[in-house]
Protein backbone atom coordinates (compact mmCIF):
# COMPACT_ATOMS: atom_id res chain seq x y z
CA MET A 1 75.52 32.49 103.65
CA LYS A 2 78.54 32.05 105.93
CA ALA A 3 78.25 28.30 105.54
CA TRP A 4 77.93 28.79 101.77
CA LEU A 5 81.21 30.68 101.51
CA GLY A 6 82.91 28.43 104.05
CA ASN A 7 82.03 25.39 101.94
CA GLY A 8 83.47 26.96 98.79
CA GLY A 9 80.33 28.57 97.43
CA SER A 10 80.84 31.12 94.65
CA ILE A 11 81.26 34.67 95.82
CA ARG A 12 79.58 35.75 92.58
CA ALA A 13 76.35 33.88 93.36
CA GLU A 14 73.17 35.99 93.28
CA ASP A 15 70.41 36.23 95.84
CA PRO A 16 66.72 36.15 94.89
CA HIS A 17 66.97 39.85 94.01
CA GLY A 18 69.69 39.12 91.47
CA GLU A 19 72.33 40.80 93.65
CA THR A 20 75.76 39.51 94.65
CA LEU A 21 77.35 40.13 98.03
CA LEU A 22 79.33 42.98 96.43
CA HIS A 23 76.11 44.59 95.12
CA VAL A 24 74.64 44.49 98.62
CA ALA A 25 77.76 45.93 100.29
CA CYS A 26 77.97 48.69 97.68
CA SER A 27 74.30 49.56 97.94
CA LYS A 28 74.89 50.25 101.66
CA GLY A 29 77.73 52.62 100.83
CA GLU A 30 79.18 52.58 104.34
CA ASP A 31 81.91 49.94 104.85
CA VAL A 32 85.07 50.20 102.71
CA ASN A 33 86.76 47.23 104.40
CA ILE A 34 83.91 44.85 103.50
CA VAL A 35 84.07 45.94 99.86
CA GLU A 36 87.85 45.51 99.74
CA MET A 37 87.59 42.02 101.25
CA LEU A 38 84.98 40.94 98.69
CA ILE A 39 87.12 42.28 95.84
CA ARG A 40 90.14 40.38 97.15
CA ARG A 41 88.09 37.18 97.23
CA GLY A 42 87.18 37.59 93.59
CA ALA A 43 83.84 39.39 93.54
CA GLY A 44 82.96 40.67 90.05
CA VAL A 45 83.36 44.44 89.99
CA ASN A 46 81.52 44.63 86.64
CA GLN A 47 78.96 41.87 87.32
CA ARG A 48 75.42 43.00 86.52
CA GLN A 49 72.29 42.28 88.51
CA SER A 50 69.90 39.89 86.89
CA TYR A 51 67.08 42.34 87.61
CA THR A 52 66.58 46.10 88.02
CA GLY A 53 68.27 47.01 84.78
CA GLY A 54 71.52 45.09 85.19
CA SER A 55 73.15 47.48 87.68
CA THR A 56 76.84 46.98 88.44
CA PRO A 57 78.34 47.42 91.93
CA LEU A 58 79.59 50.85 90.84
CA MET A 59 76.04 51.86 89.94
CA ALA A 60 74.80 50.47 93.27
CA VAL A 61 77.21 52.59 95.27
CA ALA A 62 76.40 55.64 93.16
CA GLU A 63 72.73 55.24 94.05
CA SER A 64 73.37 54.40 97.72
CA GLY A 65 74.06 57.87 99.10
CA GLY A 66 76.25 56.23 101.75
CA SER A 67 78.87 58.27 103.67
CA LYS A 68 81.71 56.19 102.19
CA GLY A 69 80.27 56.02 98.69
CA ALA A 70 83.03 58.05 97.01
CA GLU A 71 85.79 56.01 98.67
CA ILE A 72 84.12 52.71 97.76
CA ALA A 73 83.72 53.90 94.16
CA LEU A 74 87.45 54.65 93.99
CA ARG A 75 88.24 51.15 95.30
CA LEU A 76 85.97 49.59 92.67
CA MET A 77 87.55 51.57 89.82
CA ALA A 78 91.01 50.71 91.12
CA ALA A 79 89.99 47.06 90.89
CA GLY A 80 88.87 47.50 87.26
CA ALA A 81 85.26 48.65 87.52
CA ASN A 82 84.13 50.14 84.19
CA LYS A 83 82.52 53.52 84.80
CA GLU A 84 81.33 53.66 81.15
CA LEU A 85 78.82 50.79 81.59
CA THR A 86 75.14 51.76 81.64
CA ARG A 87 71.98 50.02 82.75
CA THR A 88 70.44 47.60 80.25
CA ASP A 89 66.80 48.67 80.68
CA THR A 90 67.02 51.51 78.17
CA ASP A 91 63.96 50.52 76.15
CA GLU A 92 61.47 53.38 76.47
CA GLN A 93 58.46 51.11 77.00
CA MET A 94 60.29 49.06 79.64
CA GLN A 95 61.26 52.22 81.46
CA HIS A 96 57.71 53.58 81.24
CA THR A 97 56.22 50.33 82.52
CA ALA A 98 58.71 50.13 85.39
CA VAL A 99 58.08 53.73 86.36
CA MET A 100 54.28 53.31 86.27
CA LEU A 101 54.39 50.10 88.29
CA ALA A 102 56.66 51.69 90.85
CA LYS A 103 54.42 54.76 91.00
CA ASP A 104 51.29 52.69 91.54
CA LYS A 105 52.99 50.69 94.28
CA MET A 106 54.30 53.79 95.99
CA ASP A 107 50.90 55.51 95.80
CA LYS A 108 49.17 52.52 97.39
CA GLU A 109 51.73 52.27 100.19
CA LYS A 110 51.65 56.02 100.83
CA ASN A 111 47.87 55.88 101.15
CA GLU A 112 48.29 53.23 103.81
CA ASN A 113 51.25 54.90 105.59
CA PRO A 114 53.38 57.70 104.11
CA ASN A 115 56.51 56.40 105.93
CA LYS A 116 55.93 52.72 105.32
CA LEU A 117 57.88 52.53 102.07
CA ALA A 118 60.92 54.28 103.47
CA GLU A 119 60.90 52.14 106.62
CA ARG A 120 60.56 48.94 104.63
CA GLU A 121 63.42 49.89 102.31
CA ILE A 122 65.70 50.72 105.24
CA LYS A 123 64.92 47.46 107.02
CA GLU A 124 65.42 45.42 103.85
CA ARG A 125 68.77 47.01 103.13
CA GLN A 126 69.85 46.48 106.75
CA LYS A 127 68.88 42.81 106.61
CA ARG A 128 70.83 42.30 103.39
CA PHE A 129 73.85 44.09 104.82
CA ASP A 130 73.67 42.02 108.01
CA ARG A 131 73.67 38.87 105.87
CA VAL A 132 76.82 40.08 104.15
CA ILE A 133 78.57 40.62 107.50
CA GLU A 134 77.38 37.25 108.78
CA ALA A 135 78.62 35.51 105.64
CA ILE A 136 82.00 37.20 105.91
CA GLY A 137 82.56 36.21 109.52
CA ASN A 138 85.20 37.35 111.93
CA ARG A 139 87.87 35.46 110.02
CA ASP A 140 87.58 37.79 107.06
CA ALA A 141 88.01 40.86 109.24
CA ALA A 142 91.63 39.85 109.86
CA PRO A 143 93.04 41.65 106.78
CA ALA A 144 91.45 44.92 107.88
CA ILE A 145 92.83 44.42 111.39
CA LYS A 146 96.28 43.72 109.95
CA VAL A 147 96.10 46.91 107.91
CA ALA A 148 95.12 48.89 110.99
CA GLU A 149 97.94 47.31 113.01
CA MET A 150 100.40 48.05 110.21
CA ARG A 151 99.30 51.70 110.08
CA ALA A 152 99.61 51.92 113.87
CA ARG A 153 103.14 50.51 113.70
CA GLU A 154 104.03 52.97 110.95
CA ALA A 155 102.69 55.86 113.04
CA GLU A 156 104.63 54.62 116.07
CA LYS A 157 107.78 54.27 113.97
CA GLU A 158 107.28 57.78 112.61
CA GLY A 159 106.92 59.04 116.16
CA GLU A 160 110.16 57.27 117.14
CA VAL A 161 111.93 58.82 114.14
CA GLN A 162 110.75 62.29 115.19
CA VAL A 163 111.95 61.68 118.76
CA GLU A 164 115.30 60.43 117.46
CA LYS A 165 115.62 63.52 115.25
CA ALA A 166 114.85 65.76 118.24
CA GLU A 167 117.41 63.92 120.38
CA THR A 168 120.01 64.18 117.61
CA ALA A 169 119.33 67.89 117.25
CA GLU A 170 119.66 68.30 121.02
CA LYS A 171 122.98 66.40 121.00
CA LEU A 172 124.27 68.51 118.13
CA ALA A 173 123.24 71.68 119.93
CA LYS A 174 124.99 70.50 123.10
CA ALA A 175 128.12 69.53 121.15
CA LYS A 176 128.15 72.95 119.49
CA ALA A 177 127.71 74.67 122.86
CA ASP A 178 130.61 72.63 124.27
CA LEU A 179 132.81 73.55 121.31
CA ASP A 180 131.84 77.21 121.65
CA ALA A 181 132.68 77.09 125.37
CA LYS A 182 136.05 75.48 124.67
CA ALA A 183 136.79 77.99 121.94
CA LYS A 184 135.91 80.84 124.30
CA ALA A 185 138.12 79.34 127.01
CA LYS A 186 140.99 79.09 124.53
CA ALA A 187 140.43 82.67 123.41
CA ASP A 188 140.31 83.84 127.04
CA GLU A 189 143.49 81.89 127.75
CA ALA A 190 145.23 83.42 124.74
CA GLN A 191 144.09 86.89 125.81
CA ALA A 192 145.36 86.27 129.33
CA VAL A 193 148.71 84.99 128.04
CA ARG A 194 149.08 88.02 125.79
CA GLY A 195 148.63 90.25 128.82
CA ALA A 196 150.77 88.13 131.18
CA LYS A 197 153.44 89.75 133.29
CA TYR A 198 155.96 88.34 135.77
CA ASP A 199 157.78 90.55 138.24
CA LYS A 200 160.57 89.41 140.56
CA LEU A 201 160.27 91.15 143.92
CA GLY A 202 162.83 91.62 146.66
CA SER A 203 161.25 89.31 149.22
CA PRO A 204 159.35 85.98 149.27
CA LEU A 205 155.63 86.11 148.44
CA THR A 206 152.77 84.30 150.10
CA TYR A 207 149.71 83.37 148.02
CA ALA A 208 147.75 86.30 149.49
CA ALA A 209 150.63 88.70 148.79
CA SER A 210 150.78 87.48 145.18
CA GLU A 211 147.04 88.12 144.74
CA ALA A 212 147.35 91.57 146.29
CA TYR A 213 150.25 92.47 143.99
CA ALA A 214 148.32 91.35 140.88
CA ALA A 215 145.30 93.42 141.95
CA LYS A 216 147.53 96.41 142.60
CA LYS A 217 148.79 96.13 139.01
CA GLY A 218 145.22 96.10 137.73
CA GLY A 219 145.20 92.39 136.92
CA ARG A 220 144.73 88.92 138.39
CA LEU A 221 146.78 85.79 138.96
CA LEU A 222 147.14 83.48 135.97
CA THR A 223 145.43 80.10 136.03
CA LEU A 224 147.61 76.99 136.01
CA GLU A 225 146.62 76.33 132.38
CA GLU A 226 147.42 79.90 131.34
CA ALA A 227 150.80 79.72 133.08
CA LYS A 228 151.66 76.49 131.30
CA ALA A 229 150.67 78.04 127.96
CA LEU A 230 152.89 81.03 128.73
CA ILE A 231 155.90 78.96 129.80
CA GLY A 232 155.70 76.30 127.10
CA ASP A 233 158.98 74.35 127.07
CA ARG A 234 161.16 77.31 128.10
CA PRO A 235 161.54 78.60 131.67
CA LEU A 236 160.85 82.19 132.55
CA TYR A 237 163.92 82.15 134.87
CA SER A 238 166.72 79.97 133.56
CA GLY A 239 168.91 78.36 136.21
CA GLU A 240 166.55 79.23 139.06
CA ASP A 241 164.07 77.32 141.18
CA GLN A 242 161.05 79.67 141.26
CA TRP A 243 157.42 79.00 142.15
CA CYS A 244 154.57 81.41 141.31
CA ALA A 245 151.09 81.53 142.79
CA VAL A 246 148.32 80.59 140.31
CA THR A 247 144.63 79.74 140.47
CA CYS A 248 143.36 76.28 139.66
CA ALA A 249 139.70 75.48 139.04
CA VAL A 250 139.77 71.67 138.72
CA THR A 251 142.84 69.80 139.97
CA CYS A 252 143.64 71.90 143.05
CA ALA A 253 142.38 70.57 146.35
CA VAL A 254 143.07 73.72 148.44
CA GLN A 255 140.38 76.26 147.54
CA GLY A 256 141.50 76.53 143.92
CA ARG A 257 145.08 77.60 144.78
CA ASP A 258 148.34 76.23 143.41
CA TRP A 259 151.97 77.16 142.69
CA VAL A 260 153.64 76.60 139.31
CA GLN A 261 157.37 76.23 138.59
CA VAL A 262 158.68 78.91 136.21
CA GLY A 263 162.41 78.11 136.39
CA ASN A 264 164.64 75.12 135.61
CA GLY A 265 167.24 75.31 138.37
CA ASN A 266 166.02 72.06 139.98
CA ALA A 267 165.93 68.94 137.81
CA THR A 268 163.03 67.52 139.84
CA HIS A 269 160.98 70.68 139.25
CA PRO A 270 160.61 71.18 135.46
CA PRO A 271 158.97 74.35 134.07
CA GLY A 272 155.17 74.25 134.28
CA LYS A 273 155.09 71.72 137.16
CA SER A 274 152.13 71.95 139.56
CA HIS A 275 153.18 71.86 143.21
CA VAL A 276 149.75 70.74 144.44
CA LYS A 277 149.46 67.92 141.89
CA VAL A 278 152.82 66.37 142.83
CA HIS A 279 153.63 67.47 146.38
CA GLY A 280 150.41 69.00 147.70
CA TYR A 281 149.96 72.58 148.79
CA PRO A 282 153.29 73.96 150.11
CA PRO A 283 153.37 75.06 153.79
CA TRP A 284 155.47 78.09 152.84
CA GLY A 285 152.65 79.26 150.49
CA ASP A 286 150.85 80.96 153.39
CA ASP A 287 153.80 81.50 155.75
CA ALA A 288 154.72 85.20 155.85
CA ASN A 289 157.78 84.41 157.96
CA ASP A 290 159.33 82.06 155.42
CA ARG A 291 162.48 83.67 153.99
CA GLU A 292 163.35 81.16 151.24
CA ARG A 293 164.10 82.77 147.87
CA TYR A 294 162.23 80.32 145.60
CA HIS A 295 158.88 82.14 145.64
CA THR A 296 159.72 85.77 144.94
CA VAL A 297 158.05 86.11 141.48
CA ALA A 298 154.52 87.47 140.94
CA LEU A 299 152.86 86.00 137.82
CA TYR A 300 149.70 87.82 136.70
CA THR A 301 147.76 89.13 133.68
CA THR A 302 146.14 92.40 132.78
CA GLY A 303 144.39 90.83 129.79
CA GLY A 304 146.24 92.77 127.07
CA GLY A 305 149.69 93.38 125.59
CA GLY A 306 152.52 90.91 125.38
CA ALA A 307 154.01 88.78 128.16
CA SER A 308 156.67 90.88 129.85
CA HIS A 309 158.38 91.90 133.06
CA GLY A 310 157.13 95.40 132.56
CA GLY A 311 160.18 96.65 130.67
CA GLY A 312 162.62 95.87 127.86
CA GLY A 313 165.76 93.72 127.92
CA VAL A 314 166.84 90.12 127.39
CA ARG A 315 165.02 87.04 128.51
CA GLY A 316 166.61 85.55 131.56
CA GLY A 317 164.66 86.28 134.69
CA ALA A 318 165.87 89.61 136.03
CA LYS A 319 163.25 92.13 136.98
CA GLY A 320 162.49 94.54 134.16
CA THR A 321 163.26 92.15 131.30
CA SER A 322 160.88 90.63 128.71
CA ARG A 323 160.45 87.19 127.15
């Protein structure tokens, strides 16, 4: 049969039972791919058997009881199989004769062996189905393999899409968390600036003395960023060269400590300048014996209220005045 098809033999040719390859495949009712291949190659979905009442492939699959019968029937109807066709052996006498002959044959075989008929039918159907597979050959299995590969690729692509969606969602969540963190930092900075205070004391301050003074006032030292936000483009002490102790989380190399310029009395030290960033940590920052007057201001925040010296007056830098 394989040689027949390979040499251009008609796929609609009938075997001695009057069945085509499609009839045989449908009567098995098990392999959807075989049926689809035969349909693609031009098998007649409405072609009748020459014997047994002119059954069509649709009738054969309906009588098969195969596990894939319903799916095969759908494929046949999708290819144009007419479900309204009926068998041609409707003549009452023909039906009666066929039934009687079949009954006699079955009775004789049952008398010999009750299971012989069933075994013979199973073997015959298996042989016919094996012939179909042999005739088709491995070459004709390629379309089914291609379909399976295509479905596998689609499933893989769908999996990649789901992974990409999950990664995108994760990135969006991270971006939102970053924005929330930045917004909180800005809000904290604004809160700190609103509660900022700067007091000019009578003697120079070391870093430790500045921290102690802020704690005594119920607050903490400002960060470098908070101090810059407070100062803006206007000095806290006009005409003076004043450095204030601040904390610094990122750019400071000396245990998170820095000093920020809050005056404008020295052209090389503009307001908001970081001492550590430009000159390094100052030696006078921890020297209690240093008597220079350019680090006598304590800059701190209590986290509430407006930036002030702790009293009313004009902006200018004297103790007890406000911005």
